Amino acid sequence: MKLVSYRCKKSYGAFRIGIVDGDKVMDVNEAFRQYLLANGEKDHANTVDSLLPSAPNSYYALGEQAFKRSQIAYDFVKDHSIENVSFNRNEVVLSQPIPTTAKVICVGKNYSEHVKEMKSEIPTFPVLFAKFPNAMIGPEDPILKSVHTNELDYEAELAVVIGKTASHVHQQDALDYVVGYTIGNDSSARDLQKRTPQWLQGKSLDHSSPIGPWVVTTDELPDPSNLDIKSFVNGEPRQSSNTKHLIFDVPFLIEFISGLITLNPGDVILSGTPDGVGFAMDPPQFLNAGDSVRIEIEKIGQLENKVK
């Protein structure tokens, strides 16, 4: 499944959880309500939001039950050609898949070639830092270039979305705690990032970090270890690598992080960026208003945002 957070363009209501199906977006909550009605469960249908929430944050917080019921709803609609549960893609607006993620944990220096281009050293342990919800934006939102930076950069990253509570998880079991994967752009204000030993101020500027457009669930993408990852600025190729080159792969990261911090459904791990960032070019090439950044990850899709 490809899970999205959407609302209709004609409506200014709350964003709802949906599934992308070709050029349509199916409303998960309504599809499950139709399934319950068809199976004679009218009482449950009348309280469907308690079984499968329409609000994306509540949906992810429900964890495994939400994903299983979504698959049931999706299969039911496909098998029975149910109408009035889907919208054309051009009729909806997409937000970030998990609108107010509680924890976004980022991993720095996780591709060796990127470490080299930044003139740093290969880390012994994963380099972790936080990105706050104020920084996160959706796939159709502009990246806001703060007046406080002259060195706004892009970073293409595989984003890992946690599907159930994970604490002290072992590597061999780690992927069982993942609901799916999406694309992240860890936009970085290099001048702010580099002026102190802590990176936070350069990594969490308001409305700077896109994520999306959807979460590809593990039934479609069970293994994240060999995915091409690329970025383009105004159509010009910048980054090109593969997740097989991660220094610390996804299972290791989940084991390491969950040994320190309990991960909850809907939390996101940004797994690191490959070489080719603007900071390392000669001369450096930073983002300006009007620029467009496109990130592509194999088997997930693409994320493209303009700078404002």
Protein backbone atom coordinates (compact mmCIF):
# COMPACT_ATOMS: atom_id res chain seq x y z
CA MET A 1 0.00 0.00 0.00
CA LYS A 2 0.93 3.64 -0.48
CA LEU A 3 -0.41 5.56 2.53
CA VAL A 4 -1.03 9.30 2.19
CA SER A 5 -2.41 12.14 4.23
CA TYR A 6 -4.91 13.96 2.01
CA ARG A 7 -7.85 16.34 1.83
CA CYS A 8 -10.06 17.34 -1.08
CA LYS A 9 -9.19 20.62 -2.78
CA LYS A 10 -12.81 21.73 -2.52
CA SER A 11 -12.74 21.23 1.24
CA TYR A 12 -10.68 22.86 3.97
CA GLY A 13 -11.40 20.08 6.42
CA ALA A 14 -8.85 18.03 8.30
CA PHE A 15 -6.41 15.80 6.47
CA ARG A 16 -7.43 12.14 6.33
CA ILE A 17 -5.58 8.89 5.79
CA GLY A 18 -5.80 7.48 2.27
CA ILE A 19 -4.31 4.85 -0.02
CA VAL A 20 -2.98 5.75 -3.46
CA ASP A 21 -4.32 3.43 -6.13
CA GLY A 22 -3.09 4.47 -9.56
CA ASP A 23 -4.49 7.94 -10.26
CA LYS A 24 -6.95 7.77 -7.35
CA VAL A 25 -6.82 8.16 -3.59
CA MET A 26 -9.07 5.86 -1.55
CA ASP A 27 -10.37 7.06 1.82
CA VAL A 28 -9.35 4.30 4.24
CA ASN A 29 -11.84 5.14 6.97
CA GLU A 30 -14.83 5.23 4.62
CA ALA A 31 -13.71 2.08 2.81
CA PHE A 32 -13.56 0.19 6.11
CA ARG A 33 -17.00 1.53 7.08
CA GLN A 34 -18.40 0.16 3.82
CA TYR A 35 -16.74 -3.19 4.56
CA LEU A 36 -18.36 -3.34 8.00
CA LEU A 37 -21.78 -2.48 6.61
CA ALA A 38 -21.47 -5.14 3.92
CA ASN A 39 -20.71 -7.69 6.64
CA GLY A 40 -23.70 -6.75 8.78
CA GLU A 41 -21.69 -4.91 11.43
CA LYS A 42 -23.78 -1.74 11.54
CA ASP A 43 -22.89 -0.86 15.14
CA HIS A 44 -19.19 -1.07 14.40
CA ALA A 45 -19.70 0.90 11.19
CA ASN A 46 -21.31 3.70 13.20
CA THR A 47 -18.21 3.91 15.40
CA VAL A 48 -15.67 3.17 12.68
CA ASP A 49 -13.28 5.91 13.79
CA SER A 50 -12.50 3.96 16.95
CA LEU A 51 -11.51 0.95 14.84
CA LEU A 52 -9.71 2.71 12.00
CA PRO A 53 -9.17 6.45 12.59
CA SER A 54 -9.46 8.90 9.74
CA ALA A 55 -6.90 11.28 11.28
CA PRO A 56 -3.38 10.29 10.15
CA ASN A 57 -1.72 10.72 13.55
CA SER A 58 -4.35 8.63 15.32
CA TYR A 59 -4.14 6.09 12.52
CA TYR A 60 -0.39 5.53 12.96
CA ALA A 61 -0.71 5.53 16.74
CA LEU A 62 -3.04 2.53 16.44
CA GLY A 63 -0.15 0.57 14.96
CA GLU A 64 -0.48 -2.89 13.45
CA GLN A 65 -4.27 -3.08 13.74
CA ALA A 66 -4.61 0.00 11.53
CA PHE A 67 -2.42 -1.43 8.79
CA LYS A 68 -4.18 -4.82 8.81
CA ARG A 69 -7.64 -3.22 8.68
CA SER A 70 -6.49 -0.92 5.88
CA GLN A 71 -5.50 -3.92 3.80
CA ILE A 72 -8.90 -5.49 4.44
CA ALA A 73 -10.63 -2.27 3.40
CA TYR A 74 -8.48 -1.88 0.30
CA ASP A 75 -9.05 -5.48 -0.83
CA PHE A 76 -12.80 -5.17 -0.21
CA VAL A 77 -13.12 -2.03 -2.35
CA LYS A 78 -11.06 -3.56 -5.15
CA ASP A 79 -12.98 -6.85 -5.13
CA HIS A 80 -16.44 -5.27 -4.99
CA SER A 81 -15.94 -2.10 -7.09
CA ILE A 82 -17.28 0.11 -4.28
CA GLU A 83 -17.97 3.67 -5.40
CA ASN A 84 -17.84 6.97 -3.50
CA VAL A 85 -14.76 6.05 -1.49
CA SER A 86 -12.10 7.37 -3.88
CA PHE A 87 -11.05 10.68 -5.43
CA ASN A 88 -9.07 11.49 -8.54
CA ARG A 89 -5.49 12.40 -7.70
CA ASN A 90 -5.94 15.91 -9.14
CA GLU A 91 -8.86 16.50 -6.76
CA VAL A 92 -6.79 16.16 -3.59
CA VAL A 93 -3.96 17.90 -1.75
CA LEU A 94 -1.30 15.79 -0.03
CA SER A 95 0.27 16.67 3.29
CA GLN A 96 3.25 14.99 4.94
CA PRO A 97 2.26 11.34 5.51
CA ILE A 98 2.45 11.68 9.32
CA PRO A 99 1.46 15.35 9.87
CA THR A 100 2.81 15.87 13.39
CA THR A 101 5.43 13.19 13.87
CA ALA A 102 6.41 12.93 17.53
CA LYS A 103 10.03 11.99 16.82
CA VAL A 104 12.14 12.53 13.73
CA ILE A 105 15.55 11.02 14.43
CA CYS A 106 18.20 11.84 11.86
CA VAL A 107 21.44 10.02 11.15
CA GLY A 108 24.48 12.00 10.06
CA LYS A 109 27.62 10.78 8.29
CA ASN A 110 26.06 7.51 7.16
CA TYR A 111 27.48 7.18 3.62
CA SER A 112 31.27 6.94 3.40
CA GLU A 113 31.55 9.07 0.24
CA HIS A 114 29.52 11.82 1.90
CA VAL A 115 31.79 11.64 4.95
CA LYS A 116 34.79 12.12 2.64
CA GLU A 117 33.29 15.07 0.77
CA MET A 118 32.52 16.77 4.09
CA LYS A 119 36.18 16.21 5.12
CA SER A 120 35.14 14.26 8.19
CA GLU A 121 35.91 10.84 9.67
CA ILE A 122 33.93 7.59 9.45
CA PRO A 123 31.98 7.38 12.73
CA THR A 124 32.31 4.48 15.15
CA PHE A 125 28.70 4.88 16.26
CA PRO A 126 25.71 6.37 14.42
CA VAL A 127 25.64 10.17 14.62
CA LEU A 128 22.14 11.05 15.81
CA PHE A 129 20.34 14.37 15.95
CA ALA A 130 16.71 15.47 16.14
CA LYS A 131 14.49 17.33 13.72
CA PHE A 132 11.38 18.92 15.22
CA PRO A 133 7.84 18.92 13.77
CA ASN A 134 8.03 22.66 12.95
CA ALA A 135 10.61 21.80 10.27
CA MET A 136 8.54 19.15 8.53
CA ILE A 137 6.48 19.91 5.43
CA GLY A 138 4.55 17.89 2.89
CA PRO A 139 5.25 16.87 -0.70
CA GLU A 140 3.37 19.84 -2.17
CA ASP A 141 4.70 22.52 0.17
CA PRO A 142 7.52 24.97 -0.57
CA ILE A 143 10.82 24.82 1.30
CA LEU A 144 11.08 28.16 3.10
CA LYS A 145 14.56 29.71 2.90
CA SER A 146 15.11 31.50 6.20
CA VAL A 147 16.51 35.02 6.18
CA HIS A 148 19.08 33.74 8.68
CA THR A 149 20.89 31.50 6.20
CA ASN A 150 22.80 32.05 2.98
CA GLU A 151 23.81 28.38 2.70
CA LEU A 152 20.64 26.32 2.35
CA ASP A 153 21.48 22.79 1.16
CA TYR A 154 19.58 19.62 0.18
CA GLU A 155 20.02 16.06 1.44
CA ALA A 156 18.24 13.08 -0.14
CA GLU A 157 17.37 10.46 2.46
CA LEU A 158 15.49 7.20 2.87
CA ALA A 159 12.95 7.71 5.67
CA VAL A 160 11.97 4.73 7.82
CA VAL A 161 8.49 4.83 9.43
CA ILE A 162 8.02 2.84 12.63
CA GLY A 163 4.88 0.70 12.83
CA LYS A 164 4.91 -0.62 16.41
CA THR A 165 6.54 0.22 19.71
CA ALA A 166 10.22 -0.71 19.60
CA SER A 167 12.48 -0.90 22.63
CA HIS A 168 15.76 -2.86 22.75
CA VAL A 169 15.02 -4.51 19.42
CA HIS A 170 17.55 -6.91 17.90
CA GLN A 171 18.77 -6.43 14.33
CA GLN A 172 17.33 -9.71 13.11
CA ASP A 173 13.85 -8.60 14.19
CA ALA A 174 14.19 -4.89 13.41
CA LEU A 175 12.31 -4.74 10.11
CA ASP A 176 9.26 -6.29 11.83
CA TYR A 177 8.87 -2.93 13.58
CA VAL A 178 8.72 -0.94 10.35
CA VAL A 179 5.42 -0.10 8.65
CA GLY A 180 7.05 1.34 5.54
CA TYR A 181 9.36 3.81 3.86
CA THR A 182 9.15 7.27 2.36
CA ILE A 183 11.45 10.02 1.06
CA GLY A 184 12.95 12.80 3.13
CA ASN A 185 14.90 15.95 2.29
CA ASP A 186 17.03 16.89 5.29
CA SER A 187 17.40 20.50 4.17
CA SER A 188 20.33 22.00 6.03
CA ALA A 189 21.44 25.56 6.69
CA ARG A 190 25.18 24.87 6.54
CA ASP A 191 26.26 28.23 7.96
CA LEU A 192 24.03 27.71 11.00
CA GLN A 193 24.88 24.01 11.28
CA LYS A 194 28.63 24.63 11.26
CA ARG A 195 28.86 27.61 13.59
CA THR A 196 28.52 25.48 16.75
CA PRO A 197 29.40 21.85 17.61
CA GLN A 198 25.66 21.02 17.77
CA TRP A 199 23.85 20.82 14.41
CA LEU A 200 20.28 21.43 15.59
CA GLN A 201 19.92 25.08 14.58
CA GLY A 202 20.88 24.29 11.01
CA LYS A 203 18.59 21.28 10.79
CA SER A 204 15.22 22.39 12.22
CA LEU A 205 14.39 25.72 10.62
CA ASP A 206 10.67 26.30 10.17
CA HIS A 207 9.06 24.70 7.10
CA SER A 208 12.36 23.46 5.69
CA SER A 209 12.26 19.67 5.48
CA PRO A 210 9.90 17.91 3.05
CA ILE A 211 8.81 14.31 3.51
CA GLY A 212 6.56 12.14 1.37
CA PRO A 213 4.73 11.83 -0.88
CA TRP A 214 3.51 8.57 0.67
CA VAL A 215 4.57 5.71 2.91
CA VAL A 216 5.18 2.54 0.88
CA THR A 217 4.30 -0.28 3.27
CA THR A 218 6.52 -3.29 3.80
CA ASP A 219 4.20 -5.64 1.91
CA GLU A 220 5.31 -3.75 -1.23
CA LEU A 221 8.83 -2.93 -0.07
CA PRO A 222 10.08 -5.55 2.40
CA ASP A 223 13.81 -4.86 2.03
CA PRO A 224 15.33 -1.33 2.02
CA SER A 225 18.92 -2.50 1.62
CA ASN A 226 19.37 -2.04 -2.15
CA LEU A 227 17.52 1.04 -3.37
CA ASP A 228 18.88 3.64 -5.78
CA ILE A 229 18.69 7.15 -4.32
CA LYS A 230 19.14 10.35 -6.35
CA SER A 231 18.63 14.09 -6.13
CA PHE A 232 18.29 16.82 -8.74
CA VAL A 233 18.33 20.62 -8.47
CA ASN A 234 16.47 22.36 -11.28
CA GLY A 235 16.75 19.10 -13.21
CA GLU A 236 20.56 18.86 -12.78
CA PRO A 237 21.74 15.56 -11.27
CA ARG A 238 23.45 16.05 -7.90
CA GLN A 239 23.36 12.90 -5.75
CA SER A 240 23.37 9.32 -6.99
CA SER A 241 23.96 6.32 -4.74
CA ASN A 242 22.29 3.25 -3.30
CA THR A 243 21.17 2.32 0.21
CA LYS A 244 23.53 -0.66 0.10
CA HIS A 245 26.27 1.91 0.79
CA LEU A 246 24.85 2.92 4.16
CA ILE A 247 27.54 2.62 6.83
CA PHE A 248 24.90 1.66 9.41
CA ASP A 249 22.00 -0.10 7.67
CA VAL A 250 18.34 0.16 8.68
CA PRO A 251 18.24 -2.93 10.98
CA PHE A 252 21.37 -1.76 12.80
CA LEU A 253 19.93 1.75 13.20
CA ILE A 254 16.69 0.41 14.68
CA GLU A 255 18.61 -1.79 17.11
CA PHE A 256 20.95 1.05 18.09
CA ILE A 257 18.28 3.75 18.46
CA SER A 258 15.71 1.53 20.19
CA GLY A 259 18.38 0.57 22.70
CA LEU A 260 18.55 4.24 23.70
CA ILE A 261 15.12 5.65 22.89
CA THR A 262 11.76 3.88 22.69
CA LEU A 263 10.39 4.23 19.18
CA ASN A 264 6.62 4.53 18.76
CA PRO A 265 4.29 4.03 15.78
CA GLY A 266 4.61 6.99 13.43
CA ASP A 267 8.14 7.91 14.48
CA VAL A 268 10.54 8.51 11.59
CA ILE A 269 14.23 7.73 11.13
CA LEU A 270 16.01 9.71 8.41
CA SER A 271 18.81 7.32 7.54
CA GLY A 272 21.44 9.70 6.12
CA THR A 273 22.40 11.27 2.81
CA PRO A 274 24.91 10.22 0.11
CA ASP A 275 27.59 12.40 -1.47
CA GLY A 276 26.78 15.17 -3.91
CA VAL A 277 25.46 17.88 -1.60
CA GLY A 278 25.80 21.51 -2.61
CA PHE A 279 28.16 22.35 0.25
CA ALA A 280 30.83 20.02 -1.13
CA MET A 281 30.76 21.29 -4.72
CA ASP A 282 33.55 23.51 -6.04
CA PRO A 283 32.41 26.21 -5.74
CA PRO A 284 29.59 25.38 -3.29
CA GLN A 285 26.09 25.50 -4.79
CA PHE A 286 23.37 26.50 -2.35
CA LEU A 287 19.63 26.75 -2.84
CA ASN A 288 17.89 30.01 -3.70
CA ALA A 289 14.28 31.08 -4.02
CA GLY A 290 12.76 29.59 -7.15
CA ASP A 291 14.98 26.50 -7.17
CA SER A 292 13.38 23.08 -7.40
CA VAL A 293 14.71 20.01 -5.55
CA ARG A 294 13.63 16.55 -6.68
CA ILE A 295 14.56 13.38 -4.83
CA GLU A 296 13.97 9.91 -6.26
CA ILE A 297 14.21 6.61 -4.40
CA GLU A 298 13.72 3.33 -6.22
CA LYS A 299 10.41 1.54 -5.49
CA ILE A 300 9.10 4.56 -3.56
CA GLY A 301 8.78 7.38 -6.08
CA GLN A 302 9.81 11.01 -6.08
CA LEU A 303 9.53 14.06 -3.84
CA GLU A 304 9.81 17.49 -5.46
CA ASN A 305 9.61 20.87 -3.72
CA LYS A 306 10.35 24.43 -4.71
CA VAL A 307 12.30 26.88 -2.59
CA LYS A 308 10.49 30.01 -1.50
